[in-house]
Amino acid sequence: MSQGHAARLLGISRWDLLELMAKLMIESGPETGEEMRQDADVARDSIGTRRG
């Protein structure tokens, strides 16, 4: 779920959501290059393409 969608569901701005996530120590994205690569692989798999 996107941050924008989550914020709309909560009735707050995206910036308020990011502040809340920081207070609750909830990550807002991948922390390492490896996590980013894994996220990209999942996204590619979901649309039927794969890095070669």
PDB file of N, CA and C in Angstrom:
ATOM      1  N   MET A   1       0.851  -1.163   0.000  1.00  0.00           N
ATOM      2  CA  MET A   1       0.000   0.000   0.000  1.00  0.00           C
ATOM      3  C   MET A   1       0.900   1.231   0.000  1.00  0.00           C
ATOM      4  N   SER A   2       0.532   2.214  -0.790  1.00  0.00           N
ATOM      5  CA  SER A   2       1.333   3.434  -0.853  1.00  0.00           C
ATOM      6  C   SER A   2       1.129   4.273   0.410  1.00  0.00           C
ATOM      7  N   GLN A   3       2.101   5.125   0.678  1.00  0.00           N
ATOM      8  CA  GLN A   3       1.976   6.023   1.824  1.00  0.00           C
ATOM      9  C   GLN A   3       0.805   6.976   1.635  1.00  0.00           C
ATOM     10  N   GLY A   4       0.596   7.431   0.406  1.00  0.00           N
ATOM     11  CA  GLY A   4      -0.517   8.329   0.137  1.00  0.00           C
ATOM     12  C   GLY A   4      -1.859   7.674   0.422  1.00  0.00           C
ATOM     13  N   HIS A   5      -1.993   6.413   0.005  1.00  0.00           N
ATOM     14  CA  HIS A   5      -3.245   5.686   0.246  1.00  0.00           C
ATOM     15  C   HIS A   5      -3.454   5.462   1.745  1.00  0.00           C
ATOM     16  N   ALA A   6      -2.396   5.074   2.436  1.00  0.00           N
ATOM     17  CA  ALA A   6      -2.497   4.859   3.884  1.00  0.00           C
ATOM     18  C   ALA A   6      -2.897   6.153   4.592  1.00  0.00           C
ATOM     19  N   ALA A   7      -2.299   7.262   4.175  1.00  0.00           N
ATOM     20  CA  ALA A   7      -2.632   8.554   4.790  1.00  0.00           C
ATOM     21  C   ALA A   7      -4.100   8.899   4.557  1.00  0.00           C
ATOM     22  N   ARG A   8      -4.593   8.680   3.334  1.00  0.00           N
ATOM     23  CA  ARG A   8      -6.008   8.963   3.049  1.00  0.00           C
ATOM     24  C   ARG A   8      -6.917   8.110   3.924  1.00  0.00           C
ATOM     25  N   LEU A   9      -6.581   6.826   4.084  1.00  0.00           N
ATOM     26  CA  LEU A   9      -7.393   5.948   4.931  1.00  0.00           C
ATOM     27  C   LEU A   9      -7.423   6.435   6.377  1.00  0.00           C
ATOM     28  N   LEU A  10      -6.313   6.995   6.833  1.00  0.00           N
ATOM     29  CA  LEU A  10      -6.225   7.496   8.206  1.00  0.00           C
ATOM     30  C   LEU A  10      -6.766   8.913   8.351  1.00  0.00           C
ATOM     31  N   GLY A  11      -7.024   9.582   7.231  1.00  0.00           N
ATOM     32  CA  GLY A  11      -7.528  10.948   7.281  1.00  0.00           C
ATOM     33  C   GLY A  11      -6.477  11.975   7.655  1.00  0.00           C
ATOM     34  N   ILE A  12      -5.208  11.677   7.302  1.00  0.00           N
ATOM     35  CA  ILE A  12      -4.112  12.599   7.599  1.00  0.00           C
ATOM     36  C   ILE A  12      -3.310  12.843   6.326  1.00  0.00           C
ATOM     37  N   SER A  13      -2.426  13.844   6.364  1.00  0.00           N
ATOM     38  CA  SER A  13      -1.573  14.120   5.206  1.00  0.00           C
ATOM     39  C   SER A  13      -0.454  13.081   5.137  1.00  0.00           C
ATOM     40  N   ARG A  14       0.141  12.968   3.956  1.00  0.00           N
ATOM     41  CA  ARG A  14       1.268  12.040   3.800  1.00  0.00           C
ATOM     42  C   ARG A  14       2.411  12.450   4.719  1.00  0.00           C
ATOM     43  N   TRP A  15       2.624  13.753   4.873  1.00  0.00           N
ATOM     44  CA  TRP A  15       3.700  14.239   5.743  1.00  0.00           C
ATOM     45  C   TRP A  15       3.426  13.872   7.199  1.00  0.00           C
ATOM     46  N   ASP A  16       2.159  13.967   7.623  1.00  0.00           N
ATOM     47  CA  ASP A  16       1.805  13.550   8.982  1.00  0.00           C
ATOM     48  C   ASP A  16       2.012  12.045   9.146  1.00  0.00           C
ATOM     49  N   LEU A  17       1.713  11.289   8.093  1.00  0.00           N
ATOM     50  CA  LEU A  17       1.934   9.843   8.144  1.00  0.00           C
ATOM     51  C   LEU A  17       3.420   9.540   8.315  1.00  0.00           C
ATOM     52  N   LEU A  18       4.268  10.223   7.553  1.00  0.00           N
ATOM     53  CA  LEU A  18       5.712   9.996   7.676  1.00  0.00           C
ATOM     54  C   LEU A  18       6.207  10.336   9.078  1.00  0.00           C
ATOM     55  N   GLU A  19       5.676  11.406   9.652  1.00  0.00           N
ATOM     56  CA  GLU A  19       6.044  11.783  11.019  1.00  0.00           C
ATOM     57  C   GLU A  19       5.601  10.705  12.012  1.00  0.00           C
ATOM     58  N   LEU A  20       4.386  10.207  11.838  1.00  0.00           N
ATOM     59  CA  LEU A  20       3.873   9.147  12.704  1.00  0.00           C
ATOM     60  C   LEU A  20       4.712   7.880  12.566  1.00  0.00           C
ATOM     61  N   MET A  21       5.058   7.532  11.324  1.00  0.00           N
ATOM     62  CA  MET A  21       5.886   6.345  11.099  1.00  0.00           C
ATOM     63  C   MET A  21       7.240   6.486  11.785  1.00  0.00           C
ATOM     64  N   ALA A  22       7.816   7.681  11.735  1.00  0.00           N
ATOM     65  CA  ALA A  22       9.103   7.914  12.390  1.00  0.00           C
ATOM     66  C   ALA A  22       8.973   7.760  13.902  1.00  0.00           C
ATOM     67  N   LYS A  23       7.909   8.311  14.474  1.00  0.00           N
ATOM     68  CA  LYS A  23       7.693   8.194  15.921  1.00  0.00           C
ATOM     69  C   LYS A  23       7.532   6.740  16.344  1.00  0.00           C
ATOM     70  N   LEU A  24       6.873   5.937  15.487  1.00  0.00           N
ATOM     71  CA  LEU A  24       6.628   4.528  15.804  1.00  0.00           C
ATOM     72  C   LEU A  24       7.745   3.608  15.313  1.00  0.00           C
ATOM     73  N   MET A  25       8.800   4.241  14.737  1.00  0.00           N
ATOM     74  CA  MET A  25       9.955   3.507  14.220  1.00  0.00           C
ATOM     75  C   MET A  25       9.553   2.494  13.150  1.00  0.00           C
ATOM     76  N   ILE A  26       8.650   2.900  12.266  1.00  0.00           N
ATOM     77  CA  ILE A  26       8.227   2.077  11.140  1.00  0.00           C
ATOM     78  C   ILE A  26       9.007   2.551   9.917  1.00  0.00           C
ATOM     79  N   GLU A  27       9.697   1.634   9.249  1.00  0.00           N
ATOM     80  CA  GLU A  27      10.481   1.991   8.076  1.00  0.00           C
ATOM     81  C   GLU A  27       9.575   2.519   6.972  1.00  0.00           C
ATOM     82  N   SER A  28      10.066   3.525   6.250  1.00  0.00           N
ATOM     83  CA  SER A  28       9.281   4.072   5.146  1.00  0.00           C
ATOM     84  C   SER A  28       9.794   3.597   3.795  1.00  0.00           C
ATOM     85  N   GLY A  29      10.798   2.758   3.800  1.00  0.00           N
ATOM     86  CA  GLY A  29      11.347   2.237   2.555  1.00  0.00           C
ATOM     87  C   GLY A  29      12.498   1.301   2.846  1.00  0.00           C
ATOM     88  N   PRO A  30      13.106   0.763   1.799  1.00  0.00           N
ATOM     89  CA  PRO A  30      14.226  -0.161   2.005  1.00  0.00           C
ATOM     90  C   PRO A  30      15.413   0.550   2.647  1.00  0.00           C
ATOM     91  N   GLU A  31      16.108  -0.165   3.529  1.00  0.00           N
ATOM     92  CA  GLU A  31      17.252   0.428   4.220  1.00  0.00           C
ATOM     93  C   GLU A  31      18.563   0.170   3.500  1.00  0.00           C
ATOM     94  N   THR A  32      18.635  -0.909   2.737  1.00  0.00           N
ATOM     95  CA  THR A  32      19.884  -1.270   2.074  1.00  0.00           C
ATOM     96  C   THR A  32      19.654  -1.434   0.580  1.00  0.00           C
ATOM     97  N   GLY A  33      20.743  -1.454  -0.161  1.00  0.00           N
ATOM     98  CA  GLY A  33      20.654  -1.713  -1.591  1.00  0.00           C
ATOM     99  C   GLY A  33      20.059  -3.079  -1.871  1.00  0.00           C
ATOM    100  N   GLU A  34      20.393  -4.061  -1.050  1.00  0.00           N
ATOM    101  CA  GLU A  34      19.853  -5.413  -1.225  1.00  0.00           C
ATOM    102  C   GLU A  34      18.339  -5.423  -1.024  1.00  0.00           C
ATOM    103  N   GLU A  35      17.850  -4.724  -0.011  1.00  0.00           N
ATOM    104  CA  GLU A  35      16.397  -4.650   0.196  1.00  0.00           C
ATOM    105  C   GLU A  35      15.719  -3.972  -0.990  1.00  0.00           C
ATOM    106  N   MET A  36      16.365  -2.938  -1.535  1.00  0.00           N
ATOM    107  CA  MET A  36      15.803  -2.248  -2.694  1.00  0.00           C
ATOM    108  C   MET A  36      15.747  -3.199  -3.896  1.00  0.00           C
ATOM    109  N   ARG A  37      16.813  -3.978  -4.099  1.00  0.00           N
ATOM    110  CA  ARG A  37      16.841  -4.936  -5.201  1.00  0.00           C
ATOM    111  C   ARG A  37      15.737  -5.967  -5.037  1.00  0.00           C
ATOM    112  N   GLN A  38      15.568  -6.470  -3.815  1.00  0.00           N
ATOM    113  CA  GLN A  38      14.512  -7.453  -3.563  1.00  0.00           C
ATOM    114  C   GLN A  38      13.134  -6.854  -3.823  1.00  0.00           C
ATOM    115  N   ASP A  39      12.912  -5.619  -3.400  1.00  0.00           N
ATOM    116  CA  ASP A  39      11.635  -4.952  -3.661  1.00  0.00           C
ATOM    117  C   ASP A  39      11.400  -4.814  -5.162  1.00  0.00           C
ATOM    118  N   ALA A  40      12.454  -4.449  -5.902  1.00  0.00           N
ATOM    119  CA  ALA A  40      12.327  -4.305  -7.355  1.00  0.00           C
ATOM    120  C   ALA A  40      12.030  -5.653  -8.003  1.00  0.00           C
ATOM    121  N   ASP A  41      12.677  -6.724  -7.522  1.00  0.00           N
ATOM    122  CA  ASP A  41      12.410  -8.064  -8.059  1.00  0.00           C
ATOM    123  C   ASP A  41      10.955  -8.468  -7.832  1.00  0.00           C
ATOM    124  N   VAL A  42      10.430  -8.186  -6.652  1.00  0.00           N
ATOM    125  CA  VAL A  42       9.025  -8.501  -6.359  1.00  0.00           C
ATOM    126  C   VAL A  42       8.111  -7.718  -7.298  1.00  0.00           C
ATOM    127  N   ALA A  43       8.428  -6.450  -7.509  1.00  0.00           N
ATOM    128  CA  ALA A  43       7.614  -5.625  -8.415  1.00  0.00           C
ATOM    129  C   ALA A  43       7.670  -6.173  -9.833  1.00  0.00           C
ATOM    130  N   ARG A  44       8.865  -6.549 -10.292  1.00  0.00           N
ATOM    131  CA  ARG A  44       8.996  -7.118 -11.636  1.00  0.00           C
ATOM    132  C   ARG A  44       8.213  -8.418 -11.756  1.00  0.00           C
ATOM    133  N   ASP A  45       8.321  -9.263 -10.747  1.00  0.00           N
ATOM    134  CA  ASP A  45       7.589 -10.536 -10.768  1.00  0.00           C
ATOM    135  C   ASP A  45       6.086 -10.305 -10.844  1.00  0.00           C
ATOM    136  N   SER A  46       5.616  -9.276 -10.184  1.00  0.00           N
ATOM    137  CA  SER A  46       4.173  -9.029 -10.155  1.00  0.00           C
ATOM    138  C   SER A  46       3.644  -8.563 -11.507  1.00  0.00           C
ATOM    139  N   ILE A  47       4.528  -8.010 -12.353  1.00  0.00           N
ATOM    140  CA  ILE A  47       4.084  -7.602 -13.687  1.00  0.00           C
ATOM    141  C   ILE A  47       4.606  -8.542 -14.771  1.00  0.00           C
ATOM    142  N   GLY A  48       5.269  -9.616 -14.354  1.00  0.00           N
ATOM    143  CA  GLY A  48       5.678 -10.655 -15.294  1.00  0.00           C
ATOM    144  C   GLY A  48       6.986 -10.414 -16.018  1.00  0.00           C
ATOM    145  N   THR A  49       7.842  -9.549 -15.501  1.00  0.00           N
ATOM    146  CA  THR A  49       9.164  -9.357 -16.094  1.00  0.00           C
ATOM    147  C   THR A  49      10.209  -9.703 -15.057  1.00  0.00           C
ATOM    148  N   ARG A  50      11.386 -10.006 -15.515  1.00  0.00           N
ATOM    149  CA  ARG A  50      12.454 -10.409 -14.598  1.00  0.00           C
ATOM    150  C   ARG A  50      13.769  -9.845 -15.090  1.00  0.00           C
ATOM    151  N   ARG A  51      14.570  -9.389 -14.170  1.00  0.00           N
ATOM    152  CA  ARG A  51      15.898  -8.875 -14.475  1.00  0.00           C
ATOM    153  C   ARG A  51      16.760 -10.037 -14.949  1.00  0.00           C
ATOM    154  N   GLY A  52      17.581  -9.823 -15.986  1.00  0.00           N
ATOM    155  CA  GLY A  52      18.305 -10.929 -16.550  1.00  0.00           C
ATOM    156  C   GLY A  52      19.723 -10.984 -16.273  1.00  0.00           C
TER     157      GLY A  52
END
